[in-house]
Amino acid sequence: MRKVTVSVDAVTFHVRLTPGASRDEIVAWQSDAADRLHLAVRVRSVPEKGKANAALIALLAKQLSIPKRDIDVIRGATSRLKTVRIVAEGLLQAGLVAQLEAFADERNPD
């Protein structure tokens, strides 16, 4: 199963967000009971008025060295399970996919 879906102008992936954590961090790729992969992320922000989603976008932008304006939560704005889309083309897209897939995989710890 793929961690990241690539289209002509974007990269899309699933995130399981845990708000109210002790620190902001990208934990690992995990799979649920249906064997669907998602990136587990924790943020300190609370889940009200979009604060947790904004913290998720800020964390991803910082970790991936891209502008926040290129990242959007396209599904699951009020849910823990979200679909995130990053606008990227060409070489930038290939680099993003490599960075995203390089995050630790809970099933295969290195």
N, C-alpha and C. Protein backbone atom coordinates (compact mmCIF):
# COMPACT_ATOMS: atom_id res chain seq x y z
N MET A 1 0.84 -1.18 0.00
CA MET A 1 0.00 0.00 0.00
C MET A 1 0.88 1.24 0.00
N ARG A 2 0.47 2.23 -0.75
CA ARG A 2 1.23 3.47 -0.88
C ARG A 2 0.98 4.41 0.28
N LYS A 3 2.03 5.08 0.70
CA LYS A 3 1.92 6.08 1.76
C LYS A 3 1.43 7.41 1.18
N VAL A 4 1.87 7.71 -0.04
CA VAL A 4 1.62 9.00 -0.66
C VAL A 4 1.03 8.78 -2.05
N THR A 5 0.03 9.59 -2.41
CA THR A 5 -0.56 9.54 -3.74
C THR A 5 -0.07 10.77 -4.51
N VAL A 6 0.38 10.53 -5.74
CA VAL A 6 0.93 11.61 -6.55
C VAL A 6 0.02 11.86 -7.74
N SER A 7 -0.32 13.14 -7.98
CA SER A 7 -1.06 13.53 -9.18
C SER A 7 -0.19 14.49 -9.97
N VAL A 8 -0.73 15.08 -11.02
CA VAL A 8 0.04 15.96 -11.89
C VAL A 8 0.62 17.15 -11.13
N ASP A 9 -0.18 17.74 -10.22
CA ASP A 9 0.26 18.96 -9.56
C ASP A 9 0.26 18.92 -8.04
N ALA A 10 0.11 17.72 -7.45
CA ALA A 10 0.01 17.65 -5.99
C ALA A 10 0.42 16.29 -5.45
N VAL A 11 0.66 16.29 -4.14
CA VAL A 11 0.95 15.08 -3.37
C VAL A 11 -0.13 15.01 -2.29
N THR A 12 -0.75 13.85 -2.13
CA THR A 12 -1.83 13.69 -1.16
C THR A 12 -1.51 12.51 -0.25
N PHE A 13 -1.84 12.65 1.05
CA PHE A 13 -1.63 11.57 2.00
C PHE A 13 -2.58 11.75 3.17
N HIS A 14 -2.69 10.70 3.98
CA HIS A 14 -3.59 10.70 5.14
C HIS A 14 -2.80 10.96 6.42
N VAL A 15 -3.45 11.66 7.34
CA VAL A 15 -2.84 11.99 8.62
C VAL A 15 -3.81 11.64 9.73
N ARG A 16 -3.30 11.08 10.81
CA ARG A 16 -4.07 10.92 12.04
C ARG A 16 -3.49 11.93 13.02
N LEU A 17 -4.29 12.95 13.33
CA LEU A 17 -3.83 14.06 14.15
C LEU A 17 -4.28 13.90 15.59
N THR A 18 -3.35 14.06 16.51
CA THR A 18 -3.65 14.05 17.94
C THR A 18 -3.38 15.44 18.49
N PRO A 19 -4.45 16.20 18.77
CA PRO A 19 -4.28 17.54 19.33
C PRO A 19 -4.07 17.48 20.84
N GLY A 20 -3.61 18.56 21.42
CA GLY A 20 -3.43 18.63 22.87
C GLY A 20 -2.26 17.82 23.38
N ALA A 21 -1.29 17.55 22.53
CA ALA A 21 -0.11 16.76 22.93
C ALA A 21 0.88 17.64 23.69
N SER A 22 1.88 17.02 24.27
CA SER A 22 2.89 17.77 25.03
C SER A 22 3.87 18.49 24.12
N ARG A 23 3.99 18.07 22.85
CA ARG A 23 4.86 18.74 21.89
C ARG A 23 4.39 18.46 20.47
N ASP A 24 4.82 19.30 19.56
CA ASP A 24 4.51 19.11 18.14
C ASP A 24 5.52 18.13 17.56
N GLU A 25 5.01 17.06 16.93
CA GLU A 25 5.94 16.10 16.33
C GLU A 25 5.25 15.22 15.31
N ILE A 26 6.03 14.80 14.33
CA ILE A 26 5.59 13.79 13.38
C ILE A 26 6.10 12.47 13.92
N VAL A 27 5.18 11.57 14.24
CA VAL A 27 5.55 10.34 14.95
C VAL A 27 6.06 9.27 13.99
N ALA A 28 5.19 8.76 13.12
CA ALA A 28 5.57 7.66 12.23
C ALA A 28 4.42 7.35 11.29
N TRP A 29 4.73 6.59 10.26
CA TRP A 29 3.66 6.02 9.42
C TRP A 29 3.07 4.85 10.18
N GLN A 30 1.75 4.79 10.25
CA GLN A 30 1.06 3.71 10.96
C GLN A 30 -0.05 3.16 10.07
N SER A 31 -0.50 1.97 10.37
CA SER A 31 -1.64 1.41 9.64
C SER A 31 -2.76 1.13 10.63
N ASP A 32 -3.98 1.28 10.16
CA ASP A 32 -5.14 1.01 11.02
C ASP A 32 -5.59 -0.42 10.83
N ALA A 33 -6.73 -0.78 11.42
CA ALA A 33 -7.23 -2.15 11.35
C ALA A 33 -7.52 -2.59 9.92
N ALA A 34 -7.87 -1.65 9.05
CA ALA A 34 -8.15 -1.96 7.65
C ALA A 34 -6.88 -1.89 6.79
N ASP A 35 -5.71 -1.76 7.43
CA ASP A 35 -4.41 -1.70 6.78
C ASP A 35 -4.25 -0.47 5.87
N ARG A 36 -4.92 0.64 6.25
CA ARG A 36 -4.74 1.91 5.54
C ARG A 36 -3.63 2.68 6.25
N LEU A 37 -2.71 3.22 5.47
CA LEU A 37 -1.58 3.94 6.04
C LEU A 37 -1.91 5.40 6.28
N HIS A 38 -1.42 5.93 7.38
CA HIS A 38 -1.56 7.35 7.70
C HIS A 38 -0.32 7.78 8.49
N LEU A 39 -0.03 9.07 8.39
CA LEU A 39 1.09 9.65 9.12
C LEU A 39 0.56 10.13 10.47
N ALA A 40 1.07 9.59 11.54
CA ALA A 40 0.65 9.99 12.89
C ALA A 40 1.38 11.27 13.27
N VAL A 41 0.60 12.29 13.64
CA VAL A 41 1.16 13.60 13.98
C VAL A 41 0.52 14.07 15.28
N ARG A 42 1.33 14.68 16.14
CA ARG A 42 0.84 15.26 17.40
C ARG A 42 1.12 16.75 17.40
N VAL A 43 0.13 17.52 17.87
CA VAL A 43 0.33 18.97 17.99
C VAL A 43 -0.15 19.43 19.37
N ARG A 44 0.43 20.51 19.86
CA ARG A 44 0.05 21.06 21.16
C ARG A 44 -1.28 21.79 21.10
N SER A 45 -1.63 22.33 19.97
CA SER A 45 -2.85 23.13 19.84
C SER A 45 -4.10 22.31 20.14
N VAL A 46 -5.14 23.03 20.57
CA VAL A 46 -6.42 22.40 20.88
C VAL A 46 -7.28 22.33 19.62
N PRO A 47 -8.20 21.37 19.57
CA PRO A 47 -9.03 21.20 18.38
C PRO A 47 -10.25 22.13 18.36
N GLU A 48 -10.01 23.43 18.34
CA GLU A 48 -11.13 24.36 18.27
C GLU A 48 -10.81 25.47 17.29
N LYS A 49 -11.79 25.82 16.50
CA LYS A 49 -11.67 26.91 15.52
C LYS A 49 -10.49 26.74 14.57
N GLY A 50 -10.17 25.51 14.21
CA GLY A 50 -9.12 25.25 13.24
C GLY A 50 -7.70 25.38 13.74
N LYS A 51 -7.52 25.54 15.05
CA LYS A 51 -6.16 25.73 15.60
C LYS A 51 -5.28 24.51 15.40
N ALA A 52 -5.83 23.32 15.60
CA ALA A 52 -5.04 22.09 15.44
C ALA A 52 -4.65 21.89 13.97
N ASN A 53 -5.57 22.18 13.05
CA ASN A 53 -5.26 22.07 11.62
C ASN A 53 -4.17 23.06 11.23
N ALA A 54 -4.25 24.28 11.75
CA ALA A 54 -3.23 25.29 11.47
C ALA A 54 -1.87 24.84 12.01
N ALA A 55 -1.86 24.22 13.18
CA ALA A 55 -0.61 23.72 13.76
C ALA A 55 -0.05 22.57 12.92
N LEU A 56 -0.93 21.71 12.41
CA LEU A 56 -0.51 20.61 11.53
C LEU A 56 0.15 21.18 10.28
N ILE A 57 -0.48 22.15 9.66
CA ILE A 57 0.07 22.76 8.44
C ILE A 57 1.41 23.42 8.72
N ALA A 58 1.51 24.14 9.83
CA ALA A 58 2.77 24.79 10.20
C ALA A 58 3.88 23.77 10.43
N LEU A 59 3.56 22.68 11.11
CA LEU A 59 4.56 21.64 11.38
C LEU A 59 5.03 20.98 10.09
N LEU A 60 4.10 20.63 9.21
CA LEU A 60 4.48 20.02 7.93
C LEU A 60 5.32 20.98 7.10
N ALA A 61 4.92 22.25 7.06
CA ALA A 61 5.68 23.24 6.29
C ALA A 61 7.11 23.35 6.80
N LYS A 62 7.26 23.37 8.12
CA LYS A 62 8.60 23.48 8.70
C LYS A 62 9.43 22.23 8.41
N GLN A 63 8.86 21.05 8.63
CA GLN A 63 9.59 19.80 8.43
C GLN A 63 9.96 19.56 6.96
N LEU A 64 9.09 20.00 6.04
CA LEU A 64 9.31 19.75 4.62
C LEU A 64 9.95 20.95 3.90
N SER A 65 10.16 22.04 4.63
CA SER A 65 10.77 23.26 4.08
C SER A 65 10.00 23.79 2.86
N ILE A 66 8.68 23.91 3.03
CA ILE A 66 7.83 24.47 1.97
C ILE A 66 6.92 25.53 2.59
N PRO A 67 6.36 26.41 1.78
CA PRO A 67 5.46 27.44 2.32
C PRO A 67 4.14 26.84 2.81
N LYS A 68 3.60 27.40 3.88
CA LYS A 68 2.31 26.94 4.42
C LYS A 68 1.20 27.06 3.39
N ARG A 69 1.28 28.03 2.50
CA ARG A 69 0.22 28.24 1.51
C ARG A 69 0.07 27.07 0.55
N ASP A 70 1.10 26.22 0.44
CA ASP A 70 1.05 25.07 -0.46
C ASP A 70 0.41 23.83 0.17
N ILE A 71 0.04 23.91 1.45
CA ILE A 71 -0.51 22.76 2.18
C ILE A 71 -1.95 23.05 2.54
N ASP A 72 -2.82 22.04 2.37
CA ASP A 72 -4.23 22.21 2.68
C ASP A 72 -4.81 20.90 3.21
N VAL A 73 -5.68 21.01 4.21
CA VAL A 73 -6.45 19.85 4.68
C VAL A 73 -7.68 19.80 3.81
N ILE A 74 -7.76 18.80 2.92
CA ILE A 74 -8.87 18.76 1.96
C ILE A 74 -10.02 17.87 2.42
N ARG A 75 -9.79 17.07 3.44
CA ARG A 75 -10.87 16.22 3.96
C ARG A 75 -10.59 15.95 5.43
N GLY A 76 -11.65 15.98 6.26
CA GLY A 76 -11.51 15.66 7.66
C GLY A 76 -11.14 16.84 8.54
N ALA A 77 -11.58 18.03 8.18
CA ALA A 77 -11.21 19.24 8.93
C ALA A 77 -11.59 19.15 10.41
N THR A 78 -12.67 18.45 10.73
CA THR A 78 -13.10 18.33 12.13
C THR A 78 -12.91 16.92 12.68
N SER A 79 -12.15 16.11 11.98
CA SER A 79 -11.91 14.73 12.38
C SER A 79 -10.43 14.53 12.70
N ARG A 80 -10.12 13.48 13.43
CA ARG A 80 -8.71 13.14 13.67
C ARG A 80 -8.05 12.63 12.40
N LEU A 81 -8.82 11.93 11.57
CA LEU A 81 -8.30 11.39 10.32
C LEU A 81 -8.50 12.43 9.22
N LYS A 82 -7.43 12.86 8.61
CA LYS A 82 -7.47 13.94 7.63
C LYS A 82 -6.77 13.51 6.34
N THR A 83 -7.15 14.17 5.26
CA THR A 83 -6.43 14.03 4.01
C THR A 83 -5.76 15.36 3.74
N VAL A 84 -4.46 15.32 3.53
CA VAL A 84 -3.66 16.52 3.32
C VAL A 84 -3.16 16.53 1.88
N ARG A 85 -3.24 17.72 1.27
CA ARG A 85 -2.78 17.90 -0.11
C ARG A 85 -1.70 18.97 -0.12
N ILE A 86 -0.58 18.66 -0.78
CA ILE A 86 0.51 19.61 -0.95
C ILE A 86 0.67 19.87 -2.43
N VAL A 87 0.56 21.13 -2.82
CA VAL A 87 0.74 21.51 -4.21
C VAL A 87 2.22 21.47 -4.55
N ALA A 88 2.56 20.67 -5.55
CA ALA A 88 3.96 20.53 -5.96
C ALA A 88 4.01 19.88 -7.34
N GLU A 89 5.01 20.28 -8.12
CA GLU A 89 5.19 19.71 -9.45
C GLU A 89 6.66 19.35 -9.67
N GLY A 90 6.90 18.47 -10.61
CA GLY A 90 8.25 18.15 -11.07
C GLY A 90 9.20 17.68 -9.99
N LEU A 91 10.38 18.29 -9.97
CA LEU A 91 11.42 17.88 -9.03
C LEU A 91 11.02 18.13 -7.58
N LEU A 92 10.28 19.23 -7.34
CA LEU A 92 9.80 19.51 -5.99
C LEU A 92 8.90 18.38 -5.50
N GLN A 93 8.06 17.89 -6.39
CA GLN A 93 7.15 16.80 -6.05
C GLN A 93 7.93 15.53 -5.71
N ALA A 94 8.91 15.20 -6.48
CA ALA A 94 9.72 14.00 -6.23
C ALA A 94 10.44 14.13 -4.88
N GLY A 95 10.95 15.30 -4.58
CA GLY A 95 11.62 15.52 -3.30
C GLY A 95 10.67 15.40 -2.12
N LEU A 96 9.46 15.94 -2.27
CA LEU A 96 8.46 15.84 -1.20
C LEU A 96 8.07 14.40 -0.93
N VAL A 97 7.85 13.65 -2.00
CA VAL A 97 7.49 12.23 -1.84
C VAL A 97 8.60 11.50 -1.09
N ALA A 98 9.85 11.75 -1.45
CA ALA A 98 10.98 11.10 -0.78
C ALA A 98 11.03 11.49 0.70
N GLN A 99 10.82 12.78 1.00
CA GLN A 99 10.85 13.23 2.39
C GLN A 99 9.70 12.60 3.19
N LEU A 100 8.51 12.60 2.62
CA LEU A 100 7.36 12.04 3.33
C LEU A 100 7.53 10.54 3.59
N GLU A 101 7.97 9.82 2.58
CA GLU A 101 8.13 8.38 2.73
C GLU A 101 9.30 8.03 3.64
N ALA A 102 10.20 8.97 3.88
CA ALA A 102 11.36 8.72 4.74
C ALA A 102 11.01 8.80 6.23
N PHE A 103 9.84 9.40 6.58
CA PHE A 103 9.47 9.41 7.99
C PHE A 103 9.38 7.96 8.47
N ALA A 104 9.69 7.76 9.73
CA ALA A 104 9.74 6.40 10.29
C ALA A 104 8.45 5.63 10.01
N ASP A 105 8.60 4.34 9.85
CA ASP A 105 7.48 3.45 9.62
C ASP A 105 7.33 2.57 10.87
N GLU A 106 6.24 2.71 11.59
CA GLU A 106 6.05 1.98 12.83
C GLU A 106 6.09 0.46 12.61
N ARG A 107 5.69 0.02 11.42
CA ARG A 107 5.69 -1.42 11.15
C ARG A 107 7.09 -1.96 10.95
N ASN A 108 8.01 -1.11 10.43
CA ASN A 108 9.37 -1.54 10.15
C ASN A 108 10.36 -0.57 10.77
N PRO A 109 10.53 -0.59 12.09
CA PRO A 109 11.44 0.37 12.70
C PRO A 109 12.87 0.18 12.25
N ASP A 110 13.56 1.31 12.02
CA ASP A 110 14.96 1.25 11.58
C ASP A 110 15.89 1.66 12.69
